[in-house]
Amino acid sequence: MPLADYADQGLFAPAKIAIAWRTTGAEVASSAGLGRDAVQRRERVASDRVQSRLRQMVEIVNKVEPRFGSALMAYAWYRSEPLPGLGGRTAMQMVREGRADAVLDLIDAVDAGIHV
């Protein structure tokens, strides 16, 4: 799904993400390591920290979507699949820890045929 489909007025929109992934705004917040109010208040949604976390989460799910066949399955992977190259943490745990770049690097390495 194009990144623009997750946005509203130039910002990542938690409600649009929730609809696309068939979940709730509260789950979107939790999956990105954010508090519930971070995705409910317009001024908080617009903050750099919230936008960065939402962008990281969407980028990771979008990057693996082709291998799973749907955004919904990619989101399930994001939340639950332990990643051997990252100490068994899930992509969601890594984003919550502020380490989304490590997940994206791992995905790129796997795509390049590097065994991790």
C-alpha atoms as a PDB file:
ATOM      1  CA  MET A   1       0.000   0.000   0.000  1.00  0.00           C
ATOM      2  CA  PRO A   2       1.477   3.393  -0.894  1.00  0.00           C
ATOM      3  CA  LEU A   3       2.579   5.491   2.077  1.00  0.00           C
ATOM      4  CA  ALA A   4       0.198   8.264   1.018  1.00  0.00           C
ATOM      5  CA  ASP A   5      -2.740   5.939   1.723  1.00  0.00           C
ATOM      6  CA  TYR A   6      -1.792   5.980   5.403  1.00  0.00           C
ATOM      7  CA  ALA A   7      -1.705   9.773   5.546  1.00  0.00           C
ATOM      8  CA  ASP A   8      -4.143  12.618   6.052  1.00  0.00           C
ATOM      9  CA  GLN A   9      -3.156  16.204   5.325  1.00  0.00           C
ATOM     10  CA  GLY A  10       0.517  15.300   5.091  1.00  0.00           C
ATOM     11  CA  LEU A  11       0.705  13.358   8.366  1.00  0.00           C
ATOM     12  CA  PHE A  12       0.559   9.654   9.093  1.00  0.00           C
ATOM     13  CA  ALA A  13      -2.982   9.113  10.360  1.00  0.00           C
ATOM     14  CA  PRO A  14      -3.432   6.454  13.049  1.00  0.00           C
ATOM     15  CA  ALA A  15      -7.094   6.017  12.077  1.00  0.00           C
ATOM     16  CA  LYS A  16      -6.175   5.220   8.465  1.00  0.00           C
ATOM     17  CA  ILE A  17      -3.480   2.798   9.615  1.00  0.00           C
ATOM     18  CA  ALA A  18      -5.990   1.109  11.924  1.00  0.00           C
ATOM     19  CA  ILE A  19      -8.527   0.713   9.125  1.00  0.00           C
ATOM     20  CA  ALA A  20      -5.942  -0.696   6.699  1.00  0.00           C
ATOM     21  CA  TRP A  21      -4.678  -3.204   9.263  1.00  0.00           C
ATOM     22  CA  ARG A  22      -8.135  -4.006  10.725  1.00  0.00           C
ATOM     23  CA  THR A  23      -7.236  -2.980  14.229  1.00  0.00           C
ATOM     24  CA  THR A  24      -7.871  -0.096  16.607  1.00  0.00           C
ATOM     25  CA  GLY A  25      -6.143   3.208  17.134  1.00  0.00           C
ATOM     26  CA  ALA A  26      -5.111   2.016  20.592  1.00  0.00           C
ATOM     27  CA  GLU A  27      -3.426  -1.048  19.050  1.00  0.00           C
ATOM     28  CA  VAL A  28      -1.666   1.132  16.473  1.00  0.00           C
ATOM     29  CA  ALA A  29      -0.343   3.279  19.311  1.00  0.00           C
ATOM     30  CA  SER A  30       0.787   0.253  21.307  1.00  0.00           C
ATOM     31  CA  SER A  31       2.418  -1.342  18.248  1.00  0.00           C
ATOM     32  CA  ALA A  32       4.463   1.805  17.711  1.00  0.00           C
ATOM     33  CA  GLY A  33       5.392   2.124  21.375  1.00  0.00           C
ATOM     34  CA  LEU A  34       3.171   5.146  21.925  1.00  0.00           C
ATOM     35  CA  GLY A  35       0.570   6.015  24.511  1.00  0.00           C
ATOM     36  CA  ARG A  36      -3.102   6.002  23.557  1.00  0.00           C
ATOM     37  CA  ASP A  37      -3.388   9.792  23.815  1.00  0.00           C
ATOM     38  CA  ALA A  38      -0.513  10.166  21.327  1.00  0.00           C
ATOM     39  CA  VAL A  39      -2.827   8.987  18.555  1.00  0.00           C
ATOM     40  CA  GLN A  40      -6.038  10.597  19.798  1.00  0.00           C
ATOM     41  CA  ARG A  41      -5.027  14.239  20.167  1.00  0.00           C
ATOM     42  CA  ARG A  42      -4.344  16.070  16.913  1.00  0.00           C
ATOM     43  CA  GLU A  43      -1.465  18.117  18.363  1.00  0.00           C
ATOM     44  CA  ARG A  44       0.216  14.955  19.666  1.00  0.00           C
ATOM     45  CA  VAL A  45      -0.267  13.067  16.382  1.00  0.00           C
ATOM     46  CA  ALA A  46       1.558  15.900  14.612  1.00  0.00           C
ATOM     47  CA  SER A  47       4.606  15.705  16.901  1.00  0.00           C
ATOM     48  CA  ASP A  48       7.908  14.583  15.389  1.00  0.00           C
ATOM     49  CA  ARG A  49       8.201  11.640  17.785  1.00  0.00           C
ATOM     50  CA  VAL A  50       4.749  10.239  16.991  1.00  0.00           C
ATOM     51  CA  GLN A  51       5.142  10.767  13.244  1.00  0.00           C
ATOM     52  CA  SER A  52       8.565   9.114  13.309  1.00  0.00           C
ATOM     53  CA  ARG A  53       7.277   6.014  15.112  1.00  0.00           C
ATOM     54  CA  LEU A  54       4.248   5.700  12.844  1.00  0.00           C
ATOM     55  CA  ARG A  55       6.454   6.110   9.758  1.00  0.00           C
ATOM     56  CA  GLN A  56       8.891   3.455  10.965  1.00  0.00           C
ATOM     57  CA  MET A  57       6.103   0.988  11.647  1.00  0.00           C
ATOM     58  CA  VAL A  58       4.432   1.605   8.280  1.00  0.00           C
ATOM     59  CA  GLU A  59       7.763   1.352   6.425  1.00  0.00           C
ATOM     60  CA  ILE A  60       8.539  -2.011   7.998  1.00  0.00           C
ATOM     61  CA  VAL A  61       5.084  -3.446   7.318  1.00  0.00           C
ATOM     62  CA  ASN A  62       5.137  -2.118   3.739  1.00  0.00           C
ATOM     63  CA  LYS A  63       8.587  -3.581   3.136  1.00  0.00           C
ATOM     64  CA  VAL A  64       7.525  -7.118   4.092  1.00  0.00           C
ATOM     65  CA  GLU A  65       3.979  -6.993   2.700  1.00  0.00           C
ATOM     66  CA  PRO A  66       4.945  -8.547  -0.676  1.00  0.00           C
ATOM     67  CA  ARG A  67       6.276 -11.679   1.017  1.00  0.00           C
ATOM     68  CA  PHE A  68       3.090 -12.163   3.042  1.00  0.00           C
ATOM     69  CA  GLY A  69       0.574 -11.154   0.395  1.00  0.00           C
ATOM     70  CA  SER A  70      -1.321  -8.602   2.464  1.00  0.00           C
ATOM     71  CA  ALA A  71      -0.795  -5.728   4.841  1.00  0.00           C
ATOM     72  CA  LEU A  72      -2.815  -7.582   7.469  1.00  0.00           C
ATOM     73  CA  MET A  73      -0.474 -10.592   7.407  1.00  0.00           C
ATOM     74  CA  ALA A  74       2.591  -8.332   7.357  1.00  0.00           C
ATOM     75  CA  TYR A  75       1.238  -6.510  10.424  1.00  0.00           C
ATOM     76  CA  ALA A  76       0.737  -9.849  12.199  1.00  0.00           C
ATOM     77  CA  TRP A  77       4.375 -10.703  11.413  1.00  0.00           C
ATOM     78  CA  TYR A  78       5.483  -7.281  12.697  1.00  0.00           C
ATOM     79  CA  ARG A  79       3.753  -7.884  16.022  1.00  0.00           C
ATOM     80  CA  SER A  80       4.561 -11.511  16.669  1.00  0.00           C
ATOM     81  CA  GLU A  81       7.441 -13.078  14.740  1.00  0.00           C
ATOM     82  CA  PRO A  82      10.732 -13.339  16.675  1.00  0.00           C
ATOM     83  CA  LEU A  83      13.647 -12.229  14.514  1.00  0.00           C
ATOM     84  CA  PRO A  84      16.695 -14.481  14.934  1.00  0.00           C
ATOM     85  CA  GLY A  85      19.131 -11.834  13.738  1.00  0.00           C
ATOM     86  CA  LEU A  86      17.881  -9.447  16.414  1.00  0.00           C
ATOM     87  CA  GLY A  87      18.072 -11.601  19.513  1.00  0.00           C
ATOM     88  CA  GLY A  88      14.595 -13.040  19.071  1.00  0.00           C
ATOM     89  CA  ARG A  89      12.870  -9.678  19.423  1.00  0.00           C
ATOM     90  CA  THR A  90       9.926  -8.888  17.189  1.00  0.00           C
ATOM     91  CA  ALA A  91       9.919  -5.949  14.802  1.00  0.00           C
ATOM     92  CA  MET A  92       7.385  -4.307  17.120  1.00  0.00           C
ATOM     93  CA  GLN A  93       9.701  -4.646  20.114  1.00  0.00           C
ATOM     94  CA  MET A  94      12.562  -3.162  18.129  1.00  0.00           C
ATOM     95  CA  VAL A  95      10.478  -0.149  17.067  1.00  0.00           C
ATOM     96  CA  ARG A  96       9.367   0.359  20.659  1.00  0.00           C
ATOM     97  CA  GLU A  97      13.055   0.395  21.662  1.00  0.00           C
ATOM     98  CA  GLY A  98      13.835   2.988  18.987  1.00  0.00           C
ATOM     99  CA  ARG A  99      15.731   0.470  16.834  1.00  0.00           C
ATOM    100  CA  ALA A 100      13.605   0.395  13.670  1.00  0.00           C
ATOM    101  CA  ASP A 101      16.719   0.889  11.519  1.00  0.00           C
ATOM    102  CA  ALA A 102      18.046  -2.490  12.671  1.00  0.00           C
ATOM    103  CA  VAL A 103      14.821  -4.148  11.490  1.00  0.00           C
ATOM    104  CA  LEU A 104      14.990  -2.415   8.107  1.00  0.00           C
ATOM    105  CA  ASP A 105      18.662  -3.415   7.769  1.00  0.00           C
ATOM    106  CA  LEU A 106      17.788  -7.032   8.596  1.00  0.00           C
ATOM    107  CA  ILE A 107      15.010  -7.084   5.994  1.00  0.00           C
ATOM    108  CA  ASP A 108      17.393  -5.629   3.402  1.00  0.00           C
ATOM    109  CA  ALA A 109      20.018  -8.253   4.258  1.00  0.00           C
ATOM    110  CA  VAL A 110      17.509 -11.092   3.905  1.00  0.00           C
ATOM    111  CA  ASP A 111      16.301  -9.631   0.602  1.00  0.00           C
ATOM    112  CA  ALA A 112      19.923  -9.538  -0.577  1.00  0.00           C
ATOM    113  CA  GLY A 113      20.312 -13.235   0.263  1.00  0.00           C
ATOM    114  CA  ILE A 114      22.467 -12.799   3.348  1.00  0.00           C
ATOM    115  CA  HIS A 115      21.747 -15.482   5.928  1.00  0.00           C
ATOM    116  CA  VAL A 116      21.198 -13.968   9.362  1.00  0.00           C
END
